[in-house]
């Protein structure tokens, strides 16, 4: 609940947690981690999978929230890009709420924009979702043209 609140305010959050492991559990996990870390193919996914093995059933100790202020002139610069017809895209790994709030504070987003929020996890599902949204936009544009004619 607190993390969601901080994210909506645009803060960077960090959770601190612990988990008791026996020496044997650690050695078993560490061996898997080492194998993933030296993989020559798909290393990033393998490391993520191994991390997920240990990053569960944790005891939350606390959390921090730090305001992540924009650098000077960012909102004004983005606004000038938009006025000049330059498209600016932002891709982020932030929590959805944080990304949206930063988008508004940087003037990357405005209240009159139609905003699409994607939370899909696979390439196939993201492609399908983008295709659906594009189809819907095209329908809306056709309807707008018919109504204005």
N, C-alpha and C. Protein backbone atom coordinates (compact mmCIF):
# COMPACT_ATOMS: atom_id res chain seq x y z
N UNK A 1 0.83 -1.19 0.00
CA UNK A 1 0.00 0.00 0.00
C UNK A 1 0.88 1.26 0.00
N UNK A 2 1.87 1.31 0.88
CA UNK A 2 2.76 2.47 0.92
C UNK A 2 3.58 2.57 -0.37
N UNK A 3 4.04 1.44 -0.88
CA UNK A 3 4.83 1.47 -2.12
C UNK A 3 4.01 2.02 -3.27
N UNK A 4 2.75 1.61 -3.36
CA UNK A 4 1.89 2.14 -4.41
C UNK A 4 1.72 3.65 -4.27
N UNK A 5 1.54 4.11 -3.04
CA UNK A 5 1.41 5.55 -2.79
C UNK A 5 2.66 6.28 -3.25
N UNK A 6 3.83 5.78 -2.86
CA UNK A 6 5.08 6.43 -3.25
C UNK A 6 5.27 6.42 -4.76
N UNK A 7 4.89 5.31 -5.39
CA UNK A 7 5.03 5.23 -6.84
C UNK A 7 4.14 6.25 -7.53
N UNK A 8 2.93 6.47 -7.01
CA UNK A 8 2.04 7.45 -7.63
C UNK A 8 2.56 8.87 -7.47
N UNK A 9 3.43 9.07 -6.49
CA UNK A 9 4.05 10.38 -6.29
C UNK A 9 5.33 10.53 -7.10
N UNK A 10 5.70 9.47 -7.85
CA UNK A 10 6.89 9.54 -8.69
C UNK A 10 8.19 9.23 -7.96
N UNK A 11 8.13 8.66 -6.77
CA UNK A 11 9.33 8.34 -6.00
C UNK A 11 9.93 7.02 -6.48
N UNK A 12 11.23 6.89 -6.33
CA UNK A 12 11.94 5.62 -6.56
C UNK A 12 11.85 4.84 -5.26
N UNK A 13 11.44 3.60 -5.36
CA UNK A 13 11.28 2.80 -4.15
C UNK A 13 12.25 1.63 -4.14
N UNK A 14 12.61 1.23 -2.95
CA UNK A 14 13.50 0.09 -2.75
C UNK A 14 13.01 -0.67 -1.53
N UNK A 15 12.77 -1.96 -1.71
CA UNK A 15 12.36 -2.82 -0.59
C UNK A 15 13.58 -3.53 -0.04
N UNK A 16 13.59 -3.70 1.26
CA UNK A 16 14.66 -4.42 1.93
C UNK A 16 14.00 -5.60 2.64
N UNK A 17 14.49 -6.80 2.32
CA UNK A 17 13.89 -8.01 2.88
C UNK A 17 14.97 -9.03 3.18
N UNK A 18 14.59 -10.05 3.93
CA UNK A 18 15.54 -11.10 4.28
C UNK A 18 14.88 -12.46 4.19
N UNK A 19 15.73 -13.47 4.19
CA UNK A 19 15.27 -14.85 4.16
C UNK A 19 16.36 -15.71 4.78
N UNK A 20 16.00 -16.56 5.70
CA UNK A 20 16.97 -17.47 6.29
C UNK A 20 17.18 -18.65 5.35
N UNK A 21 18.44 -18.95 5.07
CA UNK A 21 18.80 -20.10 4.24
C UNK A 21 19.83 -20.93 4.99
N UNK A 22 19.70 -22.23 4.81
CA UNK A 22 20.76 -23.08 5.35
C UNK A 22 21.96 -22.97 4.42
N UNK A 23 23.10 -23.40 4.88
CA UNK A 23 24.29 -23.37 4.03
C UNK A 23 24.07 -24.22 2.78
N UNK A 24 23.40 -25.34 2.95
CA UNK A 24 23.14 -26.24 1.81
C UNK A 24 22.22 -25.57 0.79
N UNK A 25 21.17 -24.89 1.25
CA UNK A 25 20.26 -24.18 0.34
C UNK A 25 21.02 -23.12 -0.44
N UNK A 26 21.89 -22.37 0.27
CA UNK A 26 22.66 -21.33 -0.40
C UNK A 26 23.60 -21.93 -1.45
N UNK A 27 24.30 -22.99 -1.09
CA UNK A 27 25.25 -23.60 -2.03
C UNK A 27 24.53 -24.11 -3.27
N UNK A 28 23.36 -24.71 -3.08
CA UNK A 28 22.58 -25.22 -4.21
C UNK A 28 22.15 -24.07 -5.12
N UNK A 29 21.64 -22.99 -4.52
CA UNK A 29 21.21 -21.84 -5.31
C UNK A 29 22.41 -21.17 -5.98
N UNK A 30 23.49 -21.01 -5.26
CA UNK A 30 24.67 -20.33 -5.80
C UNK A 30 25.25 -21.09 -7.00
N UNK A 31 25.20 -22.40 -6.97
CA UNK A 31 25.67 -23.19 -8.11
C UNK A 31 24.82 -22.89 -9.35
N UNK A 32 23.51 -22.80 -9.15
CA UNK A 32 22.61 -22.47 -10.27
C UNK A 32 22.88 -21.06 -10.77
N UNK A 33 23.11 -20.16 -9.82
CA UNK A 33 23.39 -18.77 -10.19
C UNK A 33 24.69 -18.68 -11.01
N UNK A 34 25.70 -19.39 -10.56
CA UNK A 34 26.98 -19.38 -11.27
C UNK A 34 26.80 -19.90 -12.70
N UNK A 35 26.08 -21.00 -12.86
CA UNK A 35 25.85 -21.56 -14.20
C UNK A 35 25.12 -20.55 -15.09
N UNK A 36 24.13 -19.89 -14.52
CA UNK A 36 23.39 -18.88 -15.30
C UNK A 36 24.29 -17.71 -15.67
N UNK A 37 25.18 -17.32 -14.75
CA UNK A 37 26.02 -16.14 -14.97
C UNK A 37 27.08 -16.37 -16.05
N UNK A 38 27.43 -17.62 -16.31
CA UNK A 38 28.43 -17.88 -17.35
C UNK A 38 27.81 -18.40 -18.65
N UNK A 39 26.48 -18.45 -18.68
CA UNK A 39 25.79 -18.92 -19.89
C UNK A 39 26.14 -18.02 -21.06
N UNK A 40 26.37 -18.61 -22.20
CA UNK A 40 26.68 -17.82 -23.39
C UNK A 40 25.43 -17.48 -24.19
N UNK A 41 24.33 -18.15 -23.90
CA UNK A 41 23.06 -17.86 -24.57
C UNK A 41 21.98 -17.60 -23.54
N UNK A 42 21.19 -16.60 -23.78
CA UNK A 42 20.02 -16.29 -22.95
C UNK A 42 20.39 -16.06 -21.48
N UNK A 43 21.55 -15.48 -21.25
CA UNK A 43 22.05 -15.27 -19.88
C UNK A 43 21.09 -14.45 -19.03
N UNK A 44 20.58 -13.37 -19.58
CA UNK A 44 19.71 -12.48 -18.79
C UNK A 44 18.48 -13.22 -18.27
N UNK A 45 17.83 -13.99 -19.14
CA UNK A 45 16.64 -14.74 -18.71
C UNK A 45 17.00 -15.82 -17.70
N UNK A 46 18.13 -16.48 -17.90
CA UNK A 46 18.55 -17.51 -16.96
C UNK A 46 18.85 -16.92 -15.59
N UNK A 47 19.51 -15.77 -15.57
CA UNK A 47 19.78 -15.11 -14.29
C UNK A 47 18.48 -14.70 -13.60
N UNK A 48 17.54 -14.21 -14.38
CA UNK A 48 16.26 -13.81 -13.81
C UNK A 48 15.52 -15.01 -13.22
N UNK A 49 15.56 -16.13 -13.93
CA UNK A 49 14.90 -17.34 -13.43
C UNK A 49 15.54 -17.81 -12.11
N UNK A 50 16.86 -17.77 -12.04
CA UNK A 50 17.55 -18.20 -10.82
C UNK A 50 17.25 -17.22 -9.68
N UNK A 51 17.20 -15.94 -9.97
CA UNK A 51 16.88 -14.96 -8.94
C UNK A 51 15.48 -15.21 -8.38
N UNK A 52 14.54 -15.56 -9.26
CA UNK A 52 13.17 -15.82 -8.82
C UNK A 52 13.08 -17.02 -7.89
N UNK A 53 14.03 -17.94 -8.01
CA UNK A 53 14.04 -19.11 -7.12
C UNK A 53 14.25 -18.70 -5.67
N UNK A 54 15.05 -17.67 -5.47
CA UNK A 54 15.39 -17.27 -4.09
C UNK A 54 14.61 -16.06 -3.62
N UNK A 55 14.11 -15.27 -4.54
CA UNK A 55 13.42 -14.03 -4.18
C UNK A 55 11.93 -14.27 -3.95
N UNK A 56 11.62 -15.21 -3.09
CA UNK A 56 10.23 -15.47 -2.70
C UNK A 56 10.22 -15.87 -1.25
N UNK A 57 9.04 -15.74 -0.64
CA UNK A 57 8.89 -16.04 0.78
C UNK A 57 9.88 -15.22 1.63
N UNK A 58 10.03 -13.97 1.25
CA UNK A 58 10.94 -13.07 1.97
C UNK A 58 10.20 -12.37 3.10
N UNK A 59 10.92 -11.98 4.11
CA UNK A 59 10.39 -11.20 5.23
C UNK A 59 10.75 -9.74 4.98
N UNK A 60 9.73 -8.91 4.76
CA UNK A 60 9.96 -7.49 4.48
C UNK A 60 10.45 -6.78 5.73
N UNK A 61 11.60 -6.15 5.61
CA UNK A 61 12.17 -5.39 6.72
C UNK A 61 11.79 -3.92 6.65
N UNK A 62 11.67 -3.41 5.43
CA UNK A 62 11.33 -2.00 5.28
C UNK A 62 11.43 -1.59 3.83
N UNK A 63 11.18 -0.32 3.61
CA UNK A 63 11.23 0.22 2.26
C UNK A 63 11.70 1.66 2.32
N UNK A 64 12.29 2.10 1.23
CA UNK A 64 12.69 3.50 1.12
C UNK A 64 11.98 4.11 -0.07
N UNK A 65 11.83 5.40 -0.03
CA UNK A 65 11.26 6.13 -1.15
C UNK A 65 12.07 7.41 -1.32
N UNK A 66 12.61 7.61 -2.50
CA UNK A 66 13.45 8.77 -2.77
C UNK A 66 12.85 9.53 -3.95
N UNK A 67 12.70 10.82 -3.78
CA UNK A 67 12.20 11.63 -4.88
C UNK A 67 13.25 11.67 -5.98
N UNK A 68 12.82 11.36 -7.17
CA UNK A 68 13.71 11.32 -8.33
C UNK A 68 13.36 12.52 -9.21
N UNK A 69 13.96 13.66 -8.90
CA UNK A 69 13.63 14.90 -9.61
C UNK A 69 14.17 14.88 -11.02
N UNK A 70 13.41 15.48 -11.90
CA UNK A 70 13.86 15.64 -13.28
C UNK A 70 15.00 16.66 -13.34
N UNK A 71 15.85 16.48 -14.31
CA UNK A 71 16.89 17.47 -14.52
C UNK A 71 16.25 18.76 -15.02
N UNK A 72 16.95 19.85 -14.83
CA UNK A 72 16.43 21.16 -15.25
C UNK A 72 16.12 21.15 -16.74
N UNK A 73 15.07 21.82 -17.09
CA UNK A 73 14.65 22.07 -18.47
C UNK A 73 14.09 20.83 -19.20
N UNK A 74 13.94 19.70 -18.53
CA UNK A 74 13.39 18.52 -19.20
C UNK A 74 11.97 18.77 -19.69
N UNK A 75 11.04 19.22 -18.83
CA UNK A 75 9.67 19.44 -19.33
C UNK A 75 9.61 20.43 -20.48
N UNK A 76 10.37 21.51 -20.37
CA UNK A 76 10.35 22.53 -21.42
C UNK A 76 10.92 21.98 -22.74
N UNK A 77 11.97 21.19 -22.64
CA UNK A 77 12.60 20.61 -23.83
C UNK A 77 11.64 19.64 -24.52
N UNK A 78 11.00 18.79 -23.74
CA UNK A 78 10.06 17.83 -24.32
C UNK A 78 8.89 18.56 -24.97
N UNK A 79 8.41 19.61 -24.31
CA UNK A 79 7.31 20.40 -24.88
C UNK A 79 7.74 21.03 -26.21
N UNK A 80 8.96 21.52 -26.30
CA UNK A 80 9.45 22.10 -27.57
C UNK A 80 9.54 21.03 -28.66
N UNK A 81 9.97 19.82 -28.29
CA UNK A 81 9.99 18.72 -29.26
C UNK A 81 8.58 18.47 -29.80
N UNK A 82 7.61 18.41 -28.88
CA UNK A 82 6.22 18.16 -29.30
C UNK A 82 5.71 19.26 -30.21
N UNK A 83 6.01 20.52 -29.87
CA UNK A 83 5.58 21.65 -30.70
C UNK A 83 6.20 21.59 -32.09
N UNK A 84 7.41 21.05 -32.17
CA UNK A 84 8.10 20.93 -33.45
C UNK A 84 7.67 19.69 -34.23
N UNK A 85 6.77 18.91 -33.65
CA UNK A 85 6.30 17.71 -34.34
C UNK A 85 7.23 16.51 -34.18
N UNK A 86 8.17 16.60 -33.27
CA UNK A 86 9.09 15.49 -33.03
C UNK A 86 8.44 14.55 -32.02
N UNK A 87 8.40 13.28 -32.36
CA UNK A 87 7.80 12.29 -31.47
C UNK A 87 8.85 11.79 -30.49
N UNK A 88 8.47 11.74 -29.24
CA UNK A 88 9.36 11.26 -28.19
C UNK A 88 8.69 10.07 -27.53
N UNK A 89 9.41 8.98 -27.46
CA UNK A 89 8.89 7.76 -26.83
C UNK A 89 9.67 7.50 -25.55
N UNK A 90 8.99 6.94 -24.57
CA UNK A 90 9.64 6.54 -23.34
C UNK A 90 9.28 5.09 -23.06
N UNK A 91 10.30 4.28 -22.91
CA UNK A 91 10.12 2.89 -22.49
C UNK A 91 10.79 2.76 -21.14
N UNK A 92 10.10 2.13 -20.20
CA UNK A 92 10.64 2.08 -18.85
C UNK A 92 10.31 0.76 -18.17
N UNK A 93 11.10 0.45 -17.19
CA UNK A 93 10.84 -0.70 -16.35
C UNK A 93 10.25 -0.28 -15.02
N UNK A 94 9.91 1.00 -14.90
CA UNK A 94 9.33 1.51 -13.67
C UNK A 94 7.96 0.90 -13.42
N UNK A 95 7.51 1.03 -12.19
CA UNK A 95 6.12 0.68 -11.90
C UNK A 95 5.25 1.58 -12.78
N UNK A 96 4.11 1.06 -13.19
CA UNK A 96 3.22 1.79 -14.09
C UNK A 96 2.88 3.17 -13.54
N UNK A 97 2.53 3.24 -12.25
CA UNK A 97 2.13 4.51 -11.65
C UNK A 97 3.27 5.52 -11.67
N UNK A 98 4.48 5.04 -11.39
CA UNK A 98 5.65 5.93 -11.39
C UNK A 98 5.89 6.46 -12.80
N UNK A 99 5.84 5.58 -13.77
CA UNK A 99 6.10 5.98 -15.15
C UNK A 99 5.08 7.02 -15.62
N UNK A 100 3.82 6.83 -15.30
CA UNK A 100 2.78 7.77 -15.71
C UNK A 100 3.00 9.13 -15.04
N UNK A 101 3.28 9.12 -13.75
CA UNK A 101 3.50 10.39 -13.05
C UNK A 101 4.72 11.14 -13.56
N UNK A 102 5.79 10.41 -13.85
CA UNK A 102 6.97 11.05 -14.43
C UNK A 102 6.64 11.59 -15.82
N UNK A 103 5.83 10.84 -16.55
CA UNK A 103 5.40 11.30 -17.88
C UNK A 103 4.68 12.63 -17.82
N UNK A 104 3.79 12.78 -16.84
CA UNK A 104 3.08 14.05 -16.68
C UNK A 104 4.01 15.15 -16.21
N UNK A 105 4.87 14.87 -15.24
CA UNK A 105 5.73 15.92 -14.70
C UNK A 105 6.76 16.39 -15.73
N UNK A 106 7.13 15.50 -16.65
CA UNK A 106 8.10 15.88 -17.68
C UNK A 106 7.43 16.48 -18.92
N UNK A 107 6.10 16.54 -18.88
CA UNK A 107 5.30 17.02 -20.01
C UNK A 107 5.39 16.10 -21.21
N UNK A 108 5.84 14.88 -20.99
CA UNK A 108 5.81 13.87 -22.04
C UNK A 108 4.36 13.47 -22.26
N UNK A 109 3.56 13.48 -21.21
CA UNK A 109 2.14 13.18 -21.28
C UNK A 109 1.36 14.43 -20.94
N UNK A 110 0.19 14.56 -21.54
CA UNK A 110 -0.70 15.66 -21.18
C UNK A 110 -2.11 15.08 -21.02
N UNK A 111 -2.95 15.82 -20.33
CA UNK A 111 -4.30 15.33 -20.00
C UNK A 111 -5.16 15.13 -21.25
N UNK A 112 -4.84 15.77 -22.36
CA UNK A 112 -5.65 15.61 -23.56
C UNK A 112 -5.20 14.44 -24.44
N UNK A 113 -4.18 13.72 -24.01
CA UNK A 113 -3.69 12.56 -24.78
C UNK A 113 -4.46 11.31 -24.44
N UNK A 114 -4.56 10.44 -25.42
CA UNK A 114 -5.07 9.10 -25.16
C UNK A 114 -3.85 8.27 -24.77
N UNK A 115 -3.88 7.69 -23.59
CA UNK A 115 -2.72 6.98 -23.06
C UNK A 115 -3.02 5.48 -23.04
N UNK A 116 -2.09 4.72 -23.52
CA UNK A 116 -2.20 3.27 -23.53
C UNK A 116 -1.22 2.70 -22.52
N UNK A 117 -1.71 1.89 -21.62
CA UNK A 117 -0.86 1.26 -20.63
C UNK A 117 -0.76 -0.23 -20.95
N UNK A 118 0.45 -0.71 -21.16
CA UNK A 118 0.68 -2.10 -21.50
C UNK A 118 1.43 -2.78 -20.37
N UNK A 119 0.92 -3.93 -19.97
CA UNK A 119 1.56 -4.68 -18.89
C UNK A 119 1.73 -6.15 -19.29
N UNK A 120 1.79 -6.39 -20.58
CA UNK A 120 1.93 -7.76 -21.07
C UNK A 120 3.35 -8.26 -20.81
N UNK A 121 3.50 -9.57 -20.73
CA UNK A 121 4.77 -10.16 -20.35
C UNK A 121 5.50 -10.88 -21.48
N UNK A 122 4.84 -11.12 -22.59
CA UNK A 122 5.50 -11.84 -23.68
C UNK A 122 5.42 -11.03 -24.96
N UNK A 123 6.34 -11.33 -25.86
CA UNK A 123 6.35 -10.62 -27.15
C UNK A 123 5.04 -10.87 -27.89
N UNK A 124 4.56 -12.09 -27.85
CA UNK A 124 3.32 -12.43 -28.55
C UNK A 124 2.13 -11.64 -28.00
N UNK A 125 2.02 -11.56 -26.67
CA UNK A 125 0.89 -10.85 -26.09
C UNK A 125 0.99 -9.35 -26.31
N UNK A 126 2.21 -8.80 -26.29
CA UNK A 126 2.34 -7.36 -26.53
C UNK A 126 2.02 -7.02 -27.98
N UNK A 127 2.44 -7.87 -28.91
CA UNK A 127 2.10 -7.64 -30.32
C UNK A 127 0.58 -7.68 -30.53
N UNK A 128 -0.07 -8.65 -29.91
CA UNK A 128 -1.52 -8.77 -30.04
C UNK A 128 -2.21 -7.54 -29.46
N UNK A 129 -1.75 -7.09 -28.31
CA UNK A 129 -2.36 -5.94 -27.66
C UNK A 129 -2.17 -4.67 -28.48
N UNK A 130 -0.98 -4.46 -29.02
CA UNK A 130 -0.73 -3.28 -29.86
C UNK A 130 -1.63 -3.33 -31.08
N UNK A 131 -1.75 -4.50 -31.69
CA UNK A 131 -2.61 -4.65 -32.86
C UNK A 131 -4.06 -4.31 -32.53
N UNK A 132 -4.54 -4.78 -31.38
CA UNK A 132 -5.90 -4.46 -30.95
C UNK A 132 -6.09 -2.95 -30.78
N UNK A 133 -5.13 -2.31 -30.13
CA UNK A 133 -5.24 -0.87 -29.88
C UNK A 133 -5.20 -0.08 -31.18
N UNK A 134 -4.33 -0.50 -32.12
CA UNK A 134 -4.27 0.18 -33.42
C UNK A 134 -5.58 0.03 -34.18
N UNK A 135 -6.15 -1.17 -34.15
CA UNK A 135 -7.45 -1.39 -34.81
C UNK A 135 -8.51 -0.47 -34.22
N UNK A 136 -8.52 -0.36 -32.89
CA UNK A 136 -9.49 0.49 -32.21
C UNK A 136 -9.29 1.97 -32.58
N UNK A 137 -8.04 2.41 -32.65
CA UNK A 137 -7.76 3.79 -33.06
C UNK A 137 -8.23 4.07 -34.48
N UNK A 138 -7.99 3.12 -35.37
CA UNK A 138 -8.43 3.29 -36.76
C UNK A 138 -9.95 3.38 -36.84
N UNK A 139 -10.65 2.59 -36.06
CA UNK A 139 -12.12 2.66 -36.02
C UNK A 139 -12.56 4.03 -35.53
N UNK A 140 -11.92 4.51 -34.46
CA UNK A 140 -12.27 5.82 -33.91
C UNK A 140 -12.02 6.93 -34.92
N UNK A 141 -10.91 6.86 -35.66
CA UNK A 141 -10.59 7.87 -36.67
C UNK A 141 -11.62 7.86 -37.79
N UNK A 142 -12.02 6.68 -38.24
CA UNK A 142 -13.05 6.59 -39.29
C UNK A 142 -14.36 7.17 -38.82
N UNK A 143 -14.71 6.87 -37.56
CA UNK A 143 -15.96 7.38 -37.00
C UNK A 143 -15.90 8.91 -36.88
N UNK A 144 -14.77 9.44 -36.48
CA UNK A 144 -14.60 10.90 -36.38
C UNK A 144 -14.73 11.55 -37.74
N UNK A 145 -14.15 10.94 -38.78
CA UNK A 145 -14.25 11.48 -40.14
C UNK A 145 -15.68 11.45 -40.63
N UNK A 146 -16.42 10.37 -40.34
CA UNK A 146 -17.82 10.28 -40.76
C UNK A 146 -18.66 11.34 -40.07
N UNK A 147 -18.39 11.57 -38.80
CA UNK A 147 -19.18 12.55 -38.04
C UNK A 147 -18.88 13.98 -38.44
N UNK A 148 -17.66 14.23 -38.93
CA UNK A 148 -17.29 15.60 -39.32
C UNK A 148 -17.64 15.90 -40.78
N UNK A 149 -18.01 14.89 -41.54
CA UNK A 149 -18.33 15.08 -42.96
C UNK A 149 -19.74 15.53 -43.17
